[in-house]
Amino acid sequence: DKVYYSGLEDHPQHALAKHQQLAFGGVLAFEVRGDKEAAWRFIDGTKMISITANLGDVKSTITHPGTTTHGRMSAEARAEAGIKDNLIRLSVGLESVEDIKRDLQLGLAAI
């Protein structure tokens, strides 16, 4: 439904990121249509991308912030911070772009 990536021109911090960074990097977040269960079906539907709570590996990793990195926050605090139940965070690794795209398509097919 929505993509959060500072490399997109419509991102609210795009100009700042462009000014401060040489490149935009490989970490992004996106919302899938549906709820937390839909987000987990997407995550579980991927086969190559590793499910983890940390980001920043040479391999692609995926996480559900609402139940991992922000899981200790109340639902109200998560909502205030913009951490929706259908939010997924992806760190793109060094695998083949085609392999990553294929794996993300598996996730989409699962929801």
N, C-alpha and C. Protein backbone atom coordinates (compact mmCIF):
# COMPACT_ATOMS: atom_id res chain seq x y z
N ASP A 1 0.80 -1.20 0.00
CA ASP A 1 0.00 0.00 0.00
C ASP A 1 0.85 1.27 0.00
N LYS A 2 1.94 1.27 0.80
CA LYS A 2 2.77 2.47 0.91
C LYS A 2 4.23 2.04 1.09
N VAL A 3 5.14 2.82 0.48
CA VAL A 3 6.57 2.54 0.58
C VAL A 3 7.25 3.72 1.26
N TYR A 4 8.14 3.41 2.20
CA TYR A 4 8.93 4.42 2.90
C TYR A 4 10.40 4.21 2.50
N TYR A 5 10.91 5.11 1.67
CA TYR A 5 12.29 5.01 1.21
C TYR A 5 12.77 6.40 0.85
N SER A 6 13.82 6.84 1.49
CA SER A 6 14.29 8.22 1.28
C SER A 6 14.78 8.47 -0.14
N GLY A 7 15.00 7.42 -0.91
CA GLY A 7 15.41 7.58 -2.30
C GLY A 7 14.27 7.98 -3.23
N LEU A 8 13.04 7.86 -2.76
CA LEU A 8 11.89 8.28 -3.56
C LEU A 8 11.69 9.78 -3.43
N GLU A 9 11.47 10.45 -4.54
CA GLU A 9 11.36 11.91 -4.52
C GLU A 9 10.20 12.41 -3.67
N ASP A 10 9.15 11.61 -3.50
CA ASP A 10 8.02 12.07 -2.69
C ASP A 10 8.18 11.77 -1.19
N HIS A 11 9.32 11.19 -0.80
CA HIS A 11 9.58 10.95 0.62
C HIS A 11 9.83 12.29 1.30
N PRO A 12 9.25 12.53 2.49
CA PRO A 12 9.40 13.84 3.15
C PRO A 12 10.84 14.22 3.47
N GLN A 13 11.73 13.25 3.61
CA GLN A 13 13.13 13.54 3.92
C GLN A 13 14.06 13.33 2.73
N HIS A 14 13.50 13.25 1.52
CA HIS A 14 14.31 12.98 0.33
C HIS A 14 15.42 14.02 0.13
N ALA A 15 15.08 15.28 0.18
CA ALA A 15 16.08 16.34 -0.05
C ALA A 15 17.19 16.28 0.99
N LEU A 16 16.83 16.06 2.24
CA LEU A 16 17.83 15.96 3.30
C LEU A 16 18.74 14.76 3.07
N ALA A 17 18.15 13.61 2.76
CA ALA A 17 18.95 12.40 2.52
C ALA A 17 19.87 12.60 1.32
N LYS A 18 19.38 13.22 0.28
CA LYS A 18 20.19 13.48 -0.91
C LYS A 18 21.36 14.40 -0.59
N HIS A 19 21.13 15.36 0.28
CA HIS A 19 22.18 16.31 0.68
C HIS A 19 23.22 15.64 1.59
N GLN A 20 22.79 14.77 2.49
CA GLN A 20 23.68 14.21 3.50
C GLN A 20 24.37 12.92 3.08
N GLN A 21 23.84 12.21 2.09
CA GLN A 21 24.34 10.88 1.75
C GLN A 21 24.84 10.84 0.32
N LEU A 22 25.78 9.94 0.06
CA LEU A 22 26.25 9.72 -1.31
C LEU A 22 25.24 8.89 -2.10
N ALA A 23 24.55 7.99 -1.40
CA ALA A 23 23.53 7.14 -2.02
C ALA A 23 22.44 6.90 -0.98
N PHE A 24 21.33 6.35 -1.41
CA PHE A 24 20.19 6.22 -0.51
C PHE A 24 20.17 4.93 0.30
N GLY A 25 20.93 3.94 -0.06
CA GLY A 25 21.02 2.73 0.73
C GLY A 25 19.97 1.69 0.38
N GLY A 26 20.05 0.57 1.09
CA GLY A 26 19.21 -0.58 0.77
C GLY A 26 18.19 -0.93 1.81
N VAL A 27 17.86 -0.02 2.72
CA VAL A 27 16.85 -0.30 3.74
C VAL A 27 15.60 0.50 3.42
N LEU A 28 14.47 -0.17 3.42
CA LEU A 28 13.20 0.48 3.18
C LEU A 28 12.13 -0.20 4.01
N ALA A 29 11.00 0.45 4.10
CA ALA A 29 9.85 -0.13 4.79
C ALA A 29 8.64 0.03 3.89
N PHE A 30 7.69 -0.86 4.05
CA PHE A 30 6.47 -0.76 3.26
C PHE A 30 5.31 -1.38 4.02
N GLU A 31 4.13 -0.92 3.68
CA GLU A 31 2.90 -1.45 4.26
C GLU A 31 2.24 -2.34 3.22
N VAL A 32 1.79 -3.50 3.66
CA VAL A 32 1.02 -4.37 2.78
C VAL A 32 -0.46 -4.13 3.05
N ARG A 33 -1.30 -4.46 2.09
CA ARG A 33 -2.74 -4.35 2.32
C ARG A 33 -3.14 -5.39 3.35
N GLY A 34 -3.89 -4.94 4.33
CA GLY A 34 -4.36 -5.87 5.34
C GLY A 34 -3.84 -5.52 6.71
N ASP A 35 -3.74 -6.55 7.54
CA ASP A 35 -3.41 -6.38 8.95
C ASP A 35 -2.09 -7.08 9.28
N LYS A 36 -1.86 -7.29 10.58
CA LYS A 36 -0.63 -7.95 11.03
C LYS A 36 -0.52 -9.36 10.44
N GLU A 37 -1.64 -10.07 10.36
CA GLU A 37 -1.61 -11.42 9.81
C GLU A 37 -1.19 -11.40 8.34
N ALA A 38 -1.66 -10.41 7.59
CA ALA A 38 -1.26 -10.27 6.18
C ALA A 38 0.24 -9.99 6.09
N ALA A 39 0.74 -9.14 6.98
CA ALA A 39 2.18 -8.84 6.98
C ALA A 39 2.98 -10.11 7.25
N TRP A 40 2.54 -10.91 8.21
CA TRP A 40 3.27 -12.14 8.52
C TRP A 40 3.14 -13.17 7.41
N ARG A 41 1.99 -13.22 6.72
CA ARG A 41 1.86 -14.12 5.57
C ARG A 41 2.86 -13.73 4.49
N PHE A 42 3.02 -12.41 4.28
CA PHE A 42 4.02 -11.93 3.31
C PHE A 42 5.41 -12.38 3.74
N ILE A 43 5.77 -12.10 4.98
CA ILE A 43 7.10 -12.45 5.49
C ILE A 43 7.33 -13.95 5.41
N ASP A 44 6.37 -14.73 5.87
CA ASP A 44 6.51 -16.19 5.84
C ASP A 44 6.51 -16.74 4.42
N GLY A 45 5.94 -15.99 3.48
CA GLY A 45 5.89 -16.43 2.09
C GLY A 45 7.22 -16.32 1.38
N THR A 46 8.13 -15.50 1.91
CA THR A 46 9.45 -15.40 1.29
C THR A 46 10.26 -16.63 1.67
N LYS A 47 11.15 -17.04 0.80
CA LYS A 47 11.95 -18.25 1.05
C LYS A 47 13.44 -17.95 1.21
N MET A 48 13.95 -16.99 0.44
CA MET A 48 15.38 -16.69 0.46
C MET A 48 15.71 -15.62 1.50
N ILE A 49 14.87 -14.62 1.61
CA ILE A 49 15.13 -13.49 2.51
C ILE A 49 15.00 -13.97 3.96
N SER A 50 16.00 -13.67 4.77
CA SER A 50 16.03 -14.12 6.17
C SER A 50 15.13 -13.27 7.05
N ILE A 51 14.35 -13.94 7.88
CA ILE A 51 13.52 -13.24 8.86
C ILE A 51 14.39 -12.99 10.09
N THR A 52 14.50 -11.73 10.49
CA THR A 52 15.34 -11.37 11.62
C THR A 52 14.88 -10.05 12.22
N ALA A 53 15.31 -9.79 13.43
CA ALA A 53 14.98 -8.51 14.06
C ALA A 53 16.05 -7.46 13.80
N ASN A 54 17.24 -7.91 13.35
CA ASN A 54 18.29 -6.92 13.08
C ASN A 54 18.43 -6.73 11.58
N LEU A 55 18.97 -5.61 11.18
CA LEU A 55 19.17 -5.30 9.78
C LEU A 55 20.64 -5.00 9.56
N GLY A 56 21.09 -5.05 8.33
CA GLY A 56 22.47 -4.68 8.05
C GLY A 56 23.38 -5.87 7.86
N ASP A 57 22.96 -6.85 7.10
CA ASP A 57 23.75 -8.03 6.79
C ASP A 57 24.08 -7.98 5.30
N VAL A 58 24.96 -8.86 4.84
CA VAL A 58 25.22 -8.92 3.40
C VAL A 58 24.09 -9.64 2.68
N LYS A 59 23.28 -10.39 3.43
CA LYS A 59 22.13 -11.05 2.82
C LYS A 59 20.87 -10.23 3.12
N SER A 60 19.88 -10.38 2.30
CA SER A 60 18.63 -9.65 2.49
C SER A 60 17.92 -10.15 3.74
N THR A 61 17.41 -9.21 4.52
CA THR A 61 16.69 -9.56 5.74
C THR A 61 15.36 -8.81 5.77
N ILE A 62 14.41 -9.39 6.49
CA ILE A 62 13.08 -8.81 6.58
C ILE A 62 12.60 -8.92 8.02
N THR A 63 11.85 -7.94 8.46
CA THR A 63 11.35 -7.95 9.83
C THR A 63 9.99 -7.28 9.92
N HIS A 64 9.27 -7.63 10.97
CA HIS A 64 7.98 -7.02 11.28
C HIS A 64 8.21 -6.15 12.52
N PRO A 65 8.41 -4.84 12.34
CA PRO A 65 8.76 -3.96 13.47
C PRO A 65 7.77 -4.00 14.63
N GLY A 66 6.49 -4.17 14.34
CA GLY A 66 5.48 -4.15 15.40
C GLY A 66 5.61 -5.27 16.41
N THR A 67 6.24 -6.38 16.01
CA THR A 67 6.41 -7.50 16.94
C THR A 67 7.87 -7.78 17.26
N THR A 68 8.79 -7.01 16.67
CA THR A 68 10.21 -7.22 16.97
C THR A 68 10.82 -5.96 17.58
N THR A 69 11.34 -5.09 16.76
CA THR A 69 12.07 -3.92 17.26
C THR A 69 11.21 -2.96 18.08
N HIS A 70 9.92 -2.91 17.81
CA HIS A 70 9.02 -2.01 18.53
C HIS A 70 7.96 -2.78 19.33
N GLY A 71 8.20 -4.06 19.53
CA GLY A 71 7.23 -4.93 20.20
C GLY A 71 6.94 -4.57 21.64
N ARG A 72 7.87 -3.94 22.31
CA ARG A 72 7.65 -3.57 23.73
C ARG A 72 6.83 -2.30 23.89
N MET A 73 6.64 -1.58 22.81
CA MET A 73 5.84 -0.35 22.88
C MET A 73 4.36 -0.71 22.93
N SER A 74 3.59 0.15 23.55
CA SER A 74 2.14 -0.06 23.54
C SER A 74 1.61 0.17 22.13
N ALA A 75 0.44 -0.36 21.85
CA ALA A 75 -0.18 -0.16 20.53
C ALA A 75 -0.35 1.33 20.25
N GLU A 76 -0.69 2.09 21.28
CA GLU A 76 -0.87 3.53 21.10
C GLU A 76 0.45 4.21 20.75
N ALA A 77 1.52 3.84 21.43
CA ALA A 77 2.83 4.44 21.16
C ALA A 77 3.32 4.06 19.75
N ARG A 78 3.08 2.80 19.36
CA ARG A 78 3.45 2.40 18.00
C ARG A 78 2.67 3.21 16.96
N ALA A 79 1.39 3.39 17.21
CA ALA A 79 0.56 4.17 16.27
C ALA A 79 1.07 5.60 16.17
N GLU A 80 1.43 6.20 17.30
CA GLU A 80 1.98 7.56 17.29
C GLU A 80 3.28 7.64 16.51
N ALA A 81 4.07 6.57 16.58
CA ALA A 81 5.37 6.53 15.89
C ALA A 81 5.22 6.11 14.42
N GLY A 82 4.00 5.78 14.00
CA GLY A 82 3.78 5.37 12.62
C GLY A 82 4.10 3.92 12.34
N ILE A 83 4.23 3.12 13.39
CA ILE A 83 4.53 1.70 13.24
C ILE A 83 3.20 0.95 13.19
N LYS A 84 2.71 0.74 11.99
CA LYS A 84 1.42 0.07 11.80
C LYS A 84 1.60 -1.44 11.83
N ASP A 85 0.51 -2.15 12.09
CA ASP A 85 0.56 -3.61 12.14
C ASP A 85 0.92 -4.24 10.81
N ASN A 86 0.69 -3.53 9.71
CA ASN A 86 0.99 -4.09 8.38
C ASN A 86 2.32 -3.59 7.82
N LEU A 87 3.16 -2.99 8.67
CA LEU A 87 4.46 -2.46 8.25
C LEU A 87 5.51 -3.56 8.24
N ILE A 88 6.31 -3.59 7.18
CA ILE A 88 7.41 -4.54 7.03
C ILE A 88 8.67 -3.74 6.71
N ARG A 89 9.79 -4.13 7.29
CA ARG A 89 11.07 -3.48 6.99
C ARG A 89 11.95 -4.48 6.26
N LEU A 90 12.59 -4.02 5.19
CA LEU A 90 13.42 -4.86 4.35
C LEU A 90 14.80 -4.23 4.21
N SER A 91 15.82 -5.04 4.41
CA SER A 91 17.19 -4.63 4.15
C SER A 91 17.68 -5.47 2.97
N VAL A 92 17.96 -4.81 1.86
CA VAL A 92 18.34 -5.51 0.63
C VAL A 92 19.82 -5.88 0.70
N GLY A 93 20.10 -7.15 0.47
CA GLY A 93 21.47 -7.65 0.53
C GLY A 93 22.13 -7.72 -0.84
N LEU A 94 23.12 -8.58 -0.93
CA LEU A 94 23.95 -8.67 -2.13
C LEU A 94 23.51 -9.76 -3.11
N GLU A 95 22.37 -10.39 -2.85
CA GLU A 95 21.89 -11.42 -3.76
C GLU A 95 21.54 -10.81 -5.12
N SER A 96 21.31 -11.65 -6.06
CA SER A 96 20.86 -11.22 -7.39
C SER A 96 19.55 -10.45 -7.27
N VAL A 97 19.46 -9.34 -7.98
CA VAL A 97 18.23 -8.54 -7.97
C VAL A 97 17.04 -9.39 -8.40
N GLU A 98 17.24 -10.24 -9.39
CA GLU A 98 16.15 -11.10 -9.86
C GLU A 98 15.71 -12.08 -8.77
N ASP A 99 16.65 -12.62 -8.01
CA ASP A 99 16.30 -13.53 -6.92
C ASP A 99 15.51 -12.80 -5.83
N ILE A 100 15.92 -11.58 -5.51
CA ILE A 100 15.21 -10.80 -4.49
C ILE A 100 13.80 -10.48 -4.98
N LYS A 101 13.67 -10.04 -6.22
CA LYS A 101 12.34 -9.73 -6.76
C LYS A 101 11.45 -10.97 -6.76
N ARG A 102 12.00 -12.11 -7.15
CA ARG A 102 11.24 -13.36 -7.18
C ARG A 102 10.76 -13.72 -5.77
N ASP A 103 11.62 -13.53 -4.78
CA ASP A 103 11.25 -13.85 -3.40
C ASP A 103 10.17 -12.91 -2.89
N LEU A 104 10.28 -11.63 -3.22
CA LEU A 104 9.24 -10.68 -2.81
C LEU A 104 7.91 -11.00 -3.49
N GLN A 105 7.96 -11.50 -4.73
CA GLN A 105 6.73 -11.91 -5.41
C GLN A 105 6.09 -13.10 -4.70
N LEU A 106 6.91 -14.00 -4.16
CA LEU A 106 6.36 -15.11 -3.37
C LEU A 106 5.62 -14.57 -2.15
N GLY A 107 6.22 -13.58 -1.50
CA GLY A 107 5.56 -12.96 -0.35
C GLY A 107 4.24 -12.33 -0.73
N LEU A 108 4.22 -11.61 -1.84
CA LEU A 108 2.97 -10.99 -2.30
C LEU A 108 1.91 -12.04 -2.61
N ALA A 109 2.33 -13.13 -3.22
CA ALA A 109 1.38 -14.20 -3.56
C ALA A 109 0.77 -14.82 -2.32
N ALA A 110 1.47 -14.75 -1.20
CA ALA A 110 0.98 -15.35 0.05
C ALA A 110 -0.12 -14.53 0.70
N ILE A 111 -0.27 -13.27 0.28
CA ILE A 111 -1.35 -12.46 0.86
C ILE A 111 -2.41 -12.21 -0.18
